C-alpha atoms as a PDB file:
ATOM      1  CA  UNK A   1       0.021   0.066   0.148  1.00  0.00           C
ATOM      2  CA  UNK A   2       0.760   3.508  -0.883  1.00  0.00           C
ATOM      3  CA  UNK A   3       2.273   5.737   1.757  1.00  0.00           C
ATOM      4  CA  UNK A   4       1.975   9.249   1.906  1.00  0.00           C
ATOM      5  CA  UNK A   5       5.242  11.882   2.134  1.00  0.00           C
ATOM      6  CA  UNK A   6       4.496  12.550   5.405  1.00  0.00           C
ATOM      7  CA  UNK A   7       6.266  16.275   6.116  1.00  0.00           C
ATOM      8  CA  UNK A   8       8.070  16.586   9.626  1.00  0.00           C
ATOM      9  CA  UNK A   9       6.533  20.134   9.750  1.00  0.00           C
ATOM     10  CA  UNK A  10       8.923  22.820  11.498  1.00  0.00           C
ATOM     11  CA  UNK A  11       6.651  23.618  14.729  1.00  0.00           C
ATOM     12  CA  UNK A  12       8.977  27.015  15.920  1.00  0.00           C
ATOM     13  CA  UNK A  13       7.508  29.306  13.129  1.00  0.00           C
ATOM     14  CA  UNK A  14       3.757  28.303  14.168  1.00  0.00           C
ATOM     15  CA  UNK A  15       4.548  29.180  17.541  1.00  0.00           C
ATOM     16  CA  UNK A  16       6.330  32.245  16.962  1.00  0.00           C
ATOM     17  CA  UNK A  17       3.386  32.952  14.820  1.00  0.00           C
ATOM     18  CA  UNK A  18       0.640  32.042  17.436  1.00  0.00           C
ATOM     19  CA  UNK A  19       2.341  34.312  19.479  1.00  0.00           C
ATOM     20  CA  UNK A  20       0.782  37.283  18.024  1.00  0.00           C
ATOM     21  CA  UNK A  21      -1.902  35.798  16.888  1.00  0.00           C
ATOM     22  CA  UNK A  22      -2.613  35.611  20.380  1.00  0.00           C
ATOM     23  CA  UNK A  23      -1.622  39.095  21.835  1.00  0.00           C
ATOM     24  CA  UNK A  24      -4.131  40.028  19.575  1.00  0.00           C
ATOM     25  CA  UNK A  25      -7.073  38.035  19.362  1.00  0.00           C
ATOM     26  CA  UNK A  26     -10.004  39.311  21.313  1.00  0.00           C
ATOM     27  CA  UNK A  27     -13.993  37.762  20.272  1.00  0.00           C
ATOM     28  CA  UNK A  28     -16.584  38.784  22.260  1.00  0.00           C
ATOM     29  CA  UNK A  29     -18.975  38.243  18.959  1.00  0.00           C
ATOM     30  CA  UNK A  30     -18.686  34.188  20.002  1.00  0.00           C
ATOM     31  CA  UNK A  31     -20.295  32.267  21.957  1.00  0.00           C
ATOM     32  CA  UNK A  32     -18.699  28.912  23.221  1.00  0.00           C
ATOM     33  CA  UNK A  33     -20.902  26.243  24.838  1.00  0.00           C
ATOM     34  CA  UNK A  34     -19.371  23.706  26.647  1.00  0.00           C
ATOM     35  CA  UNK A  35     -19.601  20.875  29.313  1.00  0.00           C
ATOM     36  CA  UNK A  36     -18.760  21.927  32.857  1.00  0.00           C
ATOM     37  CA  UNK A  37     -16.883  18.920  35.473  1.00  0.00           C
ATOM     38  CA  UNK A  38     -17.397  21.294  38.579  1.00  0.00           C
ATOM     39  CA  UNK A  39     -20.477  22.651  38.658  1.00  0.00           C
ATOM     40  CA  UNK A  40     -19.760  24.824  41.552  1.00  0.00           C
ATOM     41  CA  UNK A  41     -16.689  26.680  40.141  1.00  0.00           C
ATOM     42  CA  UNK A  42     -17.375  29.794  39.355  1.00  0.00           C
ATOM     43  CA  UNK A  43     -14.267  30.849  37.373  1.00  0.00           C
ATOM     44  CA  UNK A  44     -14.154  32.101  33.912  1.00  0.00           C
ATOM     45  CA  UNK A  45     -13.585  29.473  31.238  1.00  0.00           C
ATOM     46  CA  UNK A  46     -10.256  29.258  29.577  1.00  0.00           C
ATOM     47  CA  UNK A  47     -11.831  30.835  26.555  1.00  0.00           C
ATOM     48  CA  UNK A  48     -13.705  34.209  28.292  1.00  0.00           C
ATOM     49  CA  UNK A  49     -10.299  34.528  30.667  1.00  0.00           C
ATOM     50  CA  UNK A  50      -7.487  34.621  27.198  1.00  0.00           C
ATOM     51  CA  UNK A  51     -10.008  35.841  24.108  1.00  0.00           C
ATOM     52  CA  UNK A  52     -13.098  37.464  25.739  1.00  0.00           C
ATOM     53  CA  UNK A  53     -15.277  34.623  24.174  1.00  0.00           C
ATOM     54  CA  UNK A  54     -18.542  34.597  25.766  1.00  0.00           C
ATOM     55  CA  UNK A  55     -19.197  31.155  27.543  1.00  0.00           C
ATOM     56  CA  UNK A  56     -21.612  29.234  28.784  1.00  0.00           C
ATOM     57  CA  UNK A  57     -22.720  25.469  29.792  1.00  0.00           C
ATOM     58  CA  UNK A  58     -23.718  23.662  27.435  1.00  0.00           C
ATOM     59  CA  UNK A  59     -27.159  22.657  28.054  1.00  0.00           C
ATOM     60  CA  UNK A  60     -27.346  19.165  29.818  1.00  0.00           C
ATOM     61  CA  UNK A  61     -30.184  17.826  26.897  1.00  0.00           C
ATOM     62  CA  UNK A  62     -26.961  17.935  24.080  1.00  0.00           C
ATOM     63  CA  UNK A  63     -24.685  16.384  26.519  1.00  0.00           C
ATOM     64  CA  UNK A  64     -26.521  13.223  26.951  1.00  0.00           C
ATOM     65  CA  UNK A  65     -26.744  13.265  23.294  1.00  0.00           C
ATOM     66  CA  UNK A  66     -23.410  13.248  22.754  1.00  0.00           C
ATOM     67  CA  UNK A  67     -22.469  16.420  21.928  1.00  0.00           C
ATOM     68  CA  UNK A  68     -19.100  17.998  24.050  1.00  0.00           C
ATOM     69  CA  UNK A  69     -19.668  21.661  22.753  1.00  0.00           C
ATOM     70  CA  UNK A  70     -20.241  24.470  20.211  1.00  0.00           C
ATOM     71  CA  UNK A  71     -19.047  27.528  19.036  1.00  0.00           C
ATOM     72  CA  UNK A  72     -21.851  29.579  18.051  1.00  0.00           C
ATOM     73  CA  UNK A  73     -22.098  33.379  16.100  1.00  0.00           C
ATOM     74  CA  UNK A  74     -25.233  34.452  17.514  1.00  0.00           C
ATOM     75  CA  UNK A  75     -26.993  34.199  20.502  1.00  0.00           C
ATOM     76  CA  UNK A  76     -29.274  31.009  21.020  1.00  0.00           C
ATOM     77  CA  UNK A  77     -32.222  29.863  22.450  1.00  0.00           C
ATOM     78  CA  UNK A  78     -31.432  28.922  25.913  1.00  0.00           C
ATOM     79  CA  UNK A  79     -34.848  28.926  27.640  1.00  0.00           C
ATOM     80  CA  UNK A  80     -36.102  26.694  25.111  1.00  0.00           C
ATOM     81  CA  UNK A  81     -33.364  23.665  25.067  1.00  0.00           C
ATOM     82  CA  UNK A  82     -33.478  23.775  28.928  1.00  0.00           C
ATOM     83  CA  UNK A  83     -36.754  22.681  28.882  1.00  0.00           C
ATOM     84  CA  UNK A  84     -35.887  19.782  26.482  1.00  0.00           C
ATOM     85  CA  UNK A  85     -34.958  16.467  28.728  1.00  0.00           C
ATOM     86  CA  UNK A  86     -33.629  13.202  27.677  1.00  0.00           C
ATOM     87  CA  UNK A  87     -33.171  10.363  30.316  1.00  0.00           C
ATOM     88  CA  UNK A  88     -30.706   8.379  29.776  1.00  0.00           C
ATOM     89  CA  UNK A  89     -32.019   5.776  32.041  1.00  0.00           C
ATOM     90  CA  UNK A  90     -35.032   5.698  30.966  1.00  0.00           C
ATOM     91  CA  UNK A  91     -33.730   5.340  27.572  1.00  0.00           C
ATOM     92  CA  UNK A  92     -31.825   2.483  28.199  1.00  0.00           C
ATOM     93  CA  UNK A  93     -30.132   0.987  25.203  1.00  0.00           C
ATOM     94  CA  UNK A  94     -32.844   1.063  22.878  1.00  0.00           C
ATOM     95  CA  UNK A  95     -31.849   1.592  18.967  1.00  0.00           C
ATOM     96  CA  UNK A  96     -33.937   4.038  18.132  1.00  0.00           C
ATOM     97  CA  UNK A  97     -33.366   6.193  21.308  1.00  0.00           C
ATOM     98  CA  UNK A  98     -34.185   9.375  18.704  1.00  0.00           C
ATOM     99  CA  UNK A  99     -37.321   8.472  17.465  1.00  0.00           C
ATOM    100  CA  UNK A 100     -38.625   7.938  21.368  1.00  0.00           C
ATOM    101  CA  UNK A 101     -37.261  11.701  21.542  1.00  0.00           C
ATOM    102  CA  UNK A 102     -37.493  13.316  18.440  1.00  0.00           C
ATOM    103  CA  UNK A 103     -40.570  15.793  17.900  1.00  0.00           C
ATOM    104  CA  UNK A 104     -41.854  19.197  15.862  1.00  0.00           C
ATOM    105  CA  UNK A 105     -41.094  20.872  18.834  1.00  0.00           C
ATOM    106  CA  UNK A 106     -37.635  19.521  19.478  1.00  0.00           C
ATOM    107  CA  UNK A 107     -36.490  19.813  15.581  1.00  0.00           C
ATOM    108  CA  UNK A 108     -37.570  23.616  15.570  1.00  0.00           C
ATOM    109  CA  UNK A 109     -35.815  24.573  18.928  1.00  0.00           C
ATOM    110  CA  UNK A 110     -32.786  22.496  18.080  1.00  0.00           C
ATOM    111  CA  UNK A 111     -32.565  23.774  14.066  1.00  0.00           C
ATOM    112  CA  UNK A 112     -32.614  27.275  16.137  1.00  0.00           C
ATOM    113  CA  UNK A 113     -28.958  26.679  17.871  1.00  0.00           C
ATOM    114  CA  UNK A 114     -27.326  24.716  15.061  1.00  0.00           C
ATOM    115  CA  UNK A 115     -28.587  27.426  12.074  1.00  0.00           C
ATOM    116  CA  UNK A 116     -26.202  29.873  14.210  1.00  0.00           C
ATOM    117  CA  UNK A 117     -23.092  26.985  14.317  1.00  0.00           C
ATOM    118  CA  UNK A 118     -19.825  27.333  13.487  1.00  0.00           C
ATOM    119  CA  UNK A 119     -18.304  24.567  15.130  1.00  0.00           C
ATOM    120  CA  UNK A 120     -19.696  21.404  16.394  1.00  0.00           C
ATOM    121  CA  UNK A 121     -17.913  19.136  18.810  1.00  0.00           C
ATOM    122  CA  UNK A 122     -18.924  15.177  19.838  1.00  0.00           C
ATOM    123  CA  UNK A 123     -18.291  13.192  22.732  1.00  0.00           C
ATOM    124  CA  UNK A 124     -16.175   9.715  22.389  1.00  0.00           C
ATOM    125  CA  UNK A 125     -18.798   7.682  20.065  1.00  0.00           C
ATOM    126  CA  UNK A 126     -17.955   5.082  22.842  1.00  0.00           C
ATOM    127  CA  UNK A 127     -18.644   7.268  25.566  1.00  0.00           C
ATOM    128  CA  UNK A 128     -22.465   7.719  24.594  1.00  0.00           C
ATOM    129  CA  UNK A 129     -24.873   4.783  24.272  1.00  0.00           C
ATOM    130  CA  UNK A 130     -26.411   4.707  20.976  1.00  0.00           C
ATOM    131  CA  UNK A 131     -24.885   7.965  19.954  1.00  0.00           C
ATOM    132  CA  UNK A 132     -24.903   6.439  16.618  1.00  0.00           C
ATOM    133  CA  UNK A 133     -28.485   6.704  16.200  1.00  0.00           C
ATOM    134  CA  UNK A 134     -28.873   9.928  18.184  1.00  0.00           C
ATOM    135  CA  UNK A 135     -26.154  11.344  15.706  1.00  0.00           C
ATOM    136  CA  UNK A 136     -28.017  10.212  12.545  1.00  0.00           C
ATOM    137  CA  UNK A 137     -31.008  11.537  13.796  1.00  0.00           C
ATOM    138  CA  UNK A 138     -29.655  14.898  14.522  1.00  0.00           C
ATOM    139  CA  UNK A 139     -27.951  15.164  11.060  1.00  0.00           C
ATOM    140  CA  UNK A 140     -30.819  13.897   9.496  1.00  0.00           C
ATOM    141  CA  UNK A 141     -33.531  15.972  11.080  1.00  0.00           C
ATOM    142  CA  UNK A 142     -32.051  19.013  12.780  1.00  0.00           C
ATOM    143  CA  UNK A 143     -28.360  19.327  10.156  1.00  0.00           C
ATOM    144  CA  UNK A 144     -29.345  18.259   6.870  1.00  0.00           C
ATOM    145  CA  UNK A 145     -32.597  20.510   6.860  1.00  0.00           C
ATOM    146  CA  UNK A 146     -30.287  23.739   7.163  1.00  0.00           C
ATOM    147  CA  UNK A 147     -28.667  23.420   4.292  1.00  0.00           C
ATOM    148  CA  UNK A 148     -25.334  24.277   5.646  1.00  0.00           C
ATOM    149  CA  UNK A 149     -21.806  23.428   3.975  1.00  0.00           C
ATOM    150  CA  UNK A 150     -20.020  25.246   5.874  1.00  0.00           C
ATOM    151  CA  UNK A 151     -19.634  23.798   9.209  1.00  0.00           C
ATOM    152  CA  UNK A 152     -17.011  22.249  11.325  1.00  0.00           C
ATOM    153  CA  UNK A 153     -17.384  19.043  13.171  1.00  0.00           C
ATOM    154  CA  UNK A 154     -14.645  17.393  15.417  1.00  0.00           C
ATOM    155  CA  UNK A 155     -15.277  13.626  16.236  1.00  0.00           C
ATOM    156  CA  UNK A 156     -13.551  11.186  18.566  1.00  0.00           C
ATOM    157  CA  UNK A 157     -14.375   7.222  18.722  1.00  0.00           C
ATOM    158  CA  UNK A 158     -12.604   5.961  21.829  1.00  0.00           C
ATOM    159  CA  UNK A 159     -11.719   2.606  22.041  1.00  0.00           C
ATOM    160  CA  UNK A 160     -13.163   0.606  19.398  1.00  0.00           C
ATOM    161  CA  UNK A 161     -12.177  -2.843  20.939  1.00  0.00           C
ATOM    162  CA  UNK A 162     -15.754  -2.586  22.954  1.00  0.00           C
ATOM    163  CA  UNK A 163     -17.927  -2.574  20.112  1.00  0.00           C
ATOM    164  CA  UNK A 164     -18.980  -5.158  17.383  1.00  0.00           C
ATOM    165  CA  UNK A 165     -17.241  -4.912  14.075  1.00  0.00           C
ATOM    166  CA  UNK A 166     -20.767  -3.825  12.675  1.00  0.00           C
ATOM    167  CA  UNK A 167     -21.488  -0.785  14.411  1.00  0.00           C
ATOM    168  CA  UNK A 168     -18.164   0.435  14.102  1.00  0.00           C
ATOM    169  CA  UNK A 169     -18.596   0.204  10.547  1.00  0.00           C
ATOM    170  CA  UNK A 170     -21.798   2.169  11.047  1.00  0.00           C
ATOM    171  CA  UNK A 171     -20.583   5.082  12.789  1.00  0.00           C
ATOM    172  CA  UNK A 172     -17.674   5.376  10.414  1.00  0.00           C
ATOM    173  CA  UNK A 173     -20.263   5.555   7.640  1.00  0.00           C
ATOM    174  CA  UNK A 174     -22.497   8.547   9.728  1.00  0.00           C
ATOM    175  CA  UNK A 175     -18.919  10.326  10.586  1.00  0.00           C
ATOM    176  CA  UNK A 176     -18.588  10.527   6.781  1.00  0.00           C
ATOM    177  CA  UNK A 177     -22.041  11.821   6.254  1.00  0.00           C
ATOM    178  CA  UNK A 178     -21.322  15.010   8.225  1.00  0.00           C
ATOM    179  CA  UNK A 179     -18.963  15.802   5.617  1.00  0.00           C
ATOM    180  CA  UNK A 180     -21.426  16.395   3.403  1.00  0.00           C
ATOM    181  CA  UNK A 181     -22.286  19.876   5.046  1.00  0.00           C
ATOM    182  CA  UNK A 182     -18.925  20.711   6.092  1.00  0.00           C
ATOM    183  CA  UNK A 183     -15.316  19.706   7.339  1.00  0.00           C
ATOM    184  CA  UNK A 184     -14.784  17.039   9.118  1.00  0.00           C
ATOM    185  CA  UNK A 185     -11.475  16.137  11.869  1.00  0.00           C
ATOM    186  CA  UNK A 186     -11.444  12.642  12.914  1.00  0.00           C
ATOM    187  CA  UNK A 187      -9.557  12.464  16.192  1.00  0.00           C
ATOM    188  CA  UNK A 188      -7.922   9.377  17.490  1.00  0.00           C
ATOM    189  CA  UNK A 189      -5.402   8.266  20.133  1.00  0.00           C
ATOM    190  CA  UNK A 190      -2.092   5.956  18.728  1.00  0.00           C
ATOM    191  CA  UNK A 191      -3.770   3.388  20.481  1.00  0.00           C
ATOM    192  CA  UNK A 192      -7.422   3.967  19.440  1.00  0.00           C
ATOM    193  CA  UNK A 193      -5.976   3.826  15.943  1.00  0.00           C
ATOM    194  CA  UNK A 194      -4.352   0.581  15.949  1.00  0.00           C
ATOM    195  CA  UNK A 195      -7.651  -1.141  17.717  1.00  0.00           C
ATOM    196  CA  UNK A 196      -9.920   0.290  14.811  1.00  0.00           C
ATOM    197  CA  UNK A 197      -7.456  -0.957  12.015  1.00  0.00           C
ATOM    198  CA  UNK A 198      -7.884  -4.476  13.881  1.00  0.00           C
ATOM    199  CA  UNK A 199     -11.379  -4.032  13.659  1.00  0.00           C
ATOM    200  CA  UNK A 200     -11.537  -3.358   9.970  1.00  0.00           C
ATOM    201  CA  UNK A 201      -9.362  -5.650   9.606  1.00  0.00           C
ATOM    202  CA  UNK A 202     -10.805  -8.436  11.527  1.00  0.00           C
ATOM    203  CA  UNK A 203      -8.160  -8.766  13.596  1.00  0.00           C
ATOM    204  CA  UNK A 204      -8.969  -9.200  17.446  1.00  0.00           C
ATOM    205  CA  UNK A 205      -8.657  -5.200  18.574  1.00  0.00           C
ATOM    206  CA  UNK A 206      -7.644  -6.500  21.911  1.00  0.00           C
ATOM    207  CA  UNK A 207      -4.495  -8.077  21.434  1.00  0.00           C
ATOM    208  CA  UNK A 208      -1.788  -5.564  22.402  1.00  0.00           C
ATOM    209  CA  UNK A 209       1.807  -7.246  22.490  1.00  0.00           C
ATOM    210  CA  UNK A 210       2.171  -6.445  18.727  1.00  0.00           C
ATOM    211  CA  UNK A 211       4.962  -3.601  18.334  1.00  0.00           C
ATOM    212  CA  UNK A 212       4.777  -1.710  15.122  1.00  0.00           C
ATOM    213  CA  UNK A 213       6.872   0.133  12.964  1.00  0.00           C
ATOM    214  CA  UNK A 214       6.477   4.005  12.270  1.00  0.00           C
ATOM    215  CA  UNK A 215       6.103   2.576   8.862  1.00  0.00           C
ATOM    216  CA  UNK A 216       3.405  -0.177   9.942  1.00  0.00           C
ATOM    217  CA  UNK A 217       1.728   2.688  11.589  1.00  0.00           C
ATOM    218  CA  UNK A 218       1.183   4.910   9.386  1.00  0.00           C
ATOM    219  CA  UNK A 219       0.145   2.316   6.424  1.00  0.00           C
ATOM    220  CA  UNK A 220      -2.349   1.564   9.209  1.00  0.00           C
ATOM    221  CA  UNK A 221      -3.594   5.350   9.706  1.00  0.00           C
ATOM    222  CA  UNK A 222      -3.570   5.573   5.658  1.00  0.00           C
ATOM    223  CA  UNK A 223      -6.024   3.023   5.619  1.00  0.00           C
ATOM    224  CA  UNK A 224      -8.287   4.317   8.035  1.00  0.00           C
ATOM    225  CA  UNK A 225      -8.259   7.213   6.267  1.00  0.00           C
ATOM    226  CA  UNK A 226      -9.023   5.942   3.100  1.00  0.00           C
ATOM    227  CA  UNK A 227     -11.989   3.561   5.026  1.00  0.00           C
ATOM    228  CA  UNK A 228     -14.097   6.894   5.257  1.00  0.00           C
ATOM    229  CA  UNK A 229     -14.943  10.186   3.783  1.00  0.00           C
ATOM    230  CA  UNK A 230     -13.393  12.704   5.748  1.00  0.00           C
ATOM    231  CA  UNK A 231     -11.655  16.218   5.624  1.00  0.00           C
ATOM    232  CA  UNK A 232      -8.756  15.237   7.815  1.00  0.00           C
ATOM    233  CA  UNK A 233      -7.566  12.484  10.171  1.00  0.00           C
ATOM    234  CA  UNK A 234      -5.807  13.177  13.159  1.00  0.00           C
ATOM    235  CA  UNK A 235      -3.741  10.872  15.280  1.00  0.00           C
ATOM    236  CA  UNK A 236      -1.811  12.019  18.571  1.00  0.00           C
ATOM    237  CA  UNK A 237       0.713  10.091  20.234  1.00  0.00           C
ATOM    238  CA  UNK A 238       2.255  11.569  23.521  1.00  0.00           C
ATOM    239  CA  UNK A 239       5.272  12.822  21.042  1.00  0.00           C
ATOM    240  CA  UNK A 240       3.650  14.272  17.865  1.00  0.00           C
ATOM    241  CA  UNK A 241       0.307  14.222  16.009  1.00  0.00           C
ATOM    242  CA  UNK A 242      -0.146  12.976  12.377  1.00  0.00           C
ATOM    243  CA  UNK A 243      -2.602  14.585   9.677  1.00  0.00           C
ATOM    244  CA  UNK A 244      -4.029  13.169   6.605  1.00  0.00           C
ATOM    245  CA  UNK A 245      -5.844  15.279   4.504  1.00  0.00           C
ATOM    246  CA  UNK A 246      -6.516  15.901   0.706  1.00  0.00           C
ATOM    247  CA  UNK A 247      -4.081  18.554   0.616  1.00  0.00           C
ATOM    248  CA  UNK A 248      -1.960  18.322   3.320  1.00  0.00           C
ATOM    249  CA  UNK A 249      -0.010  15.354   5.471  1.00  0.00           C
ATOM    250  CA  UNK A 250       2.388  16.435   8.031  1.00  0.00           C
ATOM    251  CA  UNK A 251       3.436  15.319  11.840  1.00  0.00           C
ATOM    252  CA  UNK A 252       3.798  18.109  13.950  1.00  0.00           C
ATOM    253  CA  UNK A 253       5.924  17.283  17.101  1.00  0.00           C
ATOM    254  CA  UNK A 254       4.306  18.064  20.838  1.00  0.00           C
ATOM    255  CA  UNK A 255       5.384  19.282  24.047  1.00  0.00           C
ATOM    256  CA  UNK A 256       5.410  16.355  26.274  1.00  0.00           C
ATOM    257  CA  UNK A 257       3.398  16.642  28.894  1.00  0.00           C
ATOM    258  CA  UNK A 258       2.711  15.065  32.307  1.00  0.00           C
ATOM    259  CA  UNK A 259       0.471  11.757  32.196  1.00  0.00           C
ATOM    260  CA  UNK A 260      -1.626  12.726  34.352  1.00  0.00           C
ATOM    261  CA  UNK A 261      -2.493  16.317  32.232  1.00  0.00           C
ATOM    262  CA  UNK A 262      -2.371  13.471  28.859  1.00  0.00           C
ATOM    263  CA  UNK A 263      -5.238  11.238  30.469  1.00  0.00           C
ATOM    264  CA  UNK A 264      -6.896  14.436  32.180  1.00  0.00           C
ATOM    265  CA  UNK A 265     -10.916  13.977  32.050  1.00  0.00           C
ATOM    266  CA  UNK A 266     -11.332  17.197  30.430  1.00  0.00           C
ATOM    267  CA  UNK A 267      -7.973  16.665  28.486  1.00  0.00           C
ATOM    268  CA  UNK A 268     -10.083  16.359  24.731  1.00  0.00           C
ATOM    269  CA  UNK A 269     -12.036  19.382  25.718  1.00  0.00           C
ATOM    270  CA  UNK A 270      -9.431  21.685  26.687  1.00  0.00           C
ATOM    271  CA  UNK A 271      -7.494  20.215  22.817  1.00  0.00           C
ATOM    272  CA  UNK A 272     -10.765  20.946  21.513  1.00  0.00           C
ATOM    273  CA  UNK A 273     -11.084  24.743  22.836  1.00  0.00           C
ATOM    274  CA  UNK A 274      -7.955  25.305  21.714  1.00  0.00           C
ATOM    275  CA  UNK A 275      -8.646  24.127  18.228  1.00  0.00           C
ATOM    276  CA  UNK A 276     -11.877  25.700  17.842  1.00  0.00           C
ATOM    277  CA  UNK A 277     -10.192  29.353  18.397  1.00  0.00           C
ATOM    278  CA  UNK A 278      -7.761  28.512  15.831  1.00  0.00           C
ATOM    279  CA  UNK A 279     -11.053  27.715  13.360  1.00  0.00           C
ATOM    280  CA  UNK A 280     -12.544  30.989  14.417  1.00  0.00           C
ATOM    281  CA  UNK A 281      -9.099  32.976  13.927  1.00  0.00           C
ATOM    282  CA  UNK A 282      -9.638  30.877   9.557  1.00  0.00           C
ATOM    283  CA  UNK A 283      -6.208  29.302  10.051  1.00  0.00           C
ATOM    284  CA  UNK A 284      -4.238  26.738   8.480  1.00  0.00           C
ATOM    285  CA  UNK A 285      -5.126  23.356  10.143  1.00  0.00           C
ATOM    286  CA  UNK A 286      -1.460  22.794  11.343  1.00  0.00           C
ATOM    287  CA  UNK A 287      -2.156  26.288  13.768  1.00  0.00           C
ATOM    288  CA  UNK A 288      -5.317  24.766  15.168  1.00  0.00           C
ATOM    289  CA  UNK A 289      -3.691  21.908  15.938  1.00  0.00           C
ATOM    290  CA  UNK A 290      -1.091  23.761  18.279  1.00  0.00           C
ATOM    291  CA  UNK A 291      -3.570  25.911  19.645  1.00  0.00           C
ATOM    292  CA  UNK A 292      -5.050  23.228  20.535  1.00  0.00           C
ATOM    293  CA  UNK A 293      -1.891  21.717  22.118  1.00  0.00           C
ATOM    294  CA  UNK A 294      -1.078  24.804  24.002  1.00  0.00           C
ATOM    295  CA  UNK A 295      -4.562  25.517  25.564  1.00  0.00           C
ATOM    296  CA  UNK A 296      -4.304  21.928  26.330  1.00  0.00           C
ATOM    297  CA  UNK A 297      -0.601  21.596  27.864  1.00  0.00           C
ATOM    298  CA  UNK A 298      -1.597  25.369  29.532  1.00  0.00           C
ATOM    299  CA  UNK A 299      -4.597  24.135  31.266  1.00  0.00           C
ATOM    300  CA  UNK A 300      -3.240  21.121  32.539  1.00  0.00           C
ATOM    301  CA  UNK A 301       0.079  22.845  33.962  1.00  0.00           C
ATOM    302  CA  UNK A 302      -1.778  25.564  35.655  1.00  0.00           C
ATOM    303  CA  UNK A 303      -4.491  23.410  36.577  1.00  0.00           C
ATOM    304  CA  UNK A 304      -6.967  26.018  36.429  1.00  0.00           C
ATOM    305  CA  UNK A 305      -8.512  28.064  33.175  1.00  0.00           C
ATOM    306  CA  UNK A 306      -5.439  29.924  31.900  1.00  0.00           C
ATOM    307  CA  UNK A 307      -5.709  33.730  30.956  1.00  0.00           C
ATOM    308  CA  UNK A 308      -3.636  34.849  28.181  1.00  0.00           C
ATOM    309  CA  UNK A 309      -0.134  35.890  30.023  1.00  0.00           C
ATOM    310  CA  UNK A 310      -0.484  31.971  30.646  1.00  0.00           C
ATOM    311  CA  UNK A 311      -0.888  30.649  27.336  1.00  0.00           C
ATOM    312  CA  UNK A 312       2.152  33.132  25.871  1.00  0.00           C
ATOM    313  CA  UNK A 313       4.266  31.809  28.645  1.00  0.00           C
ATOM    314  CA  UNK A 314       3.504  28.460  27.688  1.00  0.00           C
ATOM    315  CA  UNK A 315       4.368  29.106  23.785  1.00  0.00           C
ATOM    316  CA  UNK A 316       7.277  30.678  24.807  1.00  0.00           C
ATOM    317  CA  UNK A 317       8.379  27.695  27.279  1.00  0.00           C
ATOM    318  CA  UNK A 318       7.572  25.439  24.213  1.00  0.00           C
ATOM    319  CA  UNK A 319       9.673  27.503  22.032  1.00  0.00           C
ATOM    320  CA  UNK A 320      13.076  27.575  24.629  1.00  0.00           C
ATOM    321  CA  UNK A 321      12.422  24.038  24.843  1.00  0.00           C
ATOM    322  CA  UNK A 322      13.012  23.208  21.517  1.00  0.00           C
ATOM    323  CA  UNK A 323      15.515  25.815  20.975  1.00  0.00           C
ATOM    324  CA  UNK A 324      17.800  23.981  23.897  1.00  0.00           C
ATOM    325  CA  UNK A 325      17.158  20.383  22.201  1.00  0.00           C
ATOM    326  CA  UNK A 326      18.328  21.792  18.418  1.00  0.00           C
ATOM    327  CA  UNK A 327      21.390  23.139  20.721  1.00  0.00           C
ATOM    328  CA  UNK A 328      21.986  19.839  22.410  1.00  0.00           C
ATOM    329  CA  UNK A 329      21.216  17.918  18.907  1.00  0.00           C
ATOM    330  CA  UNK A 330      24.776  19.943  17.607  1.00  0.00           C
ATOM    331  CA  UNK A 331      26.695  18.159  20.479  1.00  0.00           C
ATOM    332  CA  UNK A 332      25.440  14.458  19.779  1.00  0.00           C
END
């Protein structure tokens, strides 16, 4: 199988450019709706403290159907959505969960919200019972009739070893359908990517003793990308982030973070919030990814929502680390 010529992207000029972007960006127009993990906290969120972006708690109804966050460019019907009820326990494991909750009023209320959306991020597919049915219903009854083509969708799969192969095939098809209404970024960590490749190729996904060369992994990643119709596949390890897309194939070296930051329950949410800023700024995807890693890393290191100075300090530290690595390599 052909392997794309993966470009090793120099992250230094990207970080240097982002210093100015972070310094100058202030956007009180957009609204960012996200999940909260500590309902007692009144501390301003990351985007509000660093960029002046209005933030609000994502309505419970959207959280329960597997939405992680939304970026809106206009006020939304907060009261209407607060009245929507979706009892996860009562819904059980029915495959037709969307049909059970759908009504003309619900579709109308959701349509008003998604009409003003620019970015829609979803929870890990494996975290939400029957998410395939829910997301397909949301696409068919709410998003598709809006006739929008400029949305950005962000999907995480989770551990596909927990699912049957036909379920995995189904969700990949559904995610691909979203690409007809905007740009889809499909995200996996390295372990999830290998397990997905095994499911797609009829191998035992729970067998973890395999060792693969970088070339083996790239072939597997390319195989996953070709299985779907998405704009970009983002796969990351503790050391780098690799992207496959039609126009670009590259790898970015990451700033290594502590393991507890890497696996924190809000780690992916923090990355997405930074990634969403890059999309607001209409930056190239490599800048969006770097900004996502900056917000994620700064949030984890500070153990609180960073302000603009914290983000700039994190970027400067990353740049300093790169310069140290370069100087060390000269003497090896």
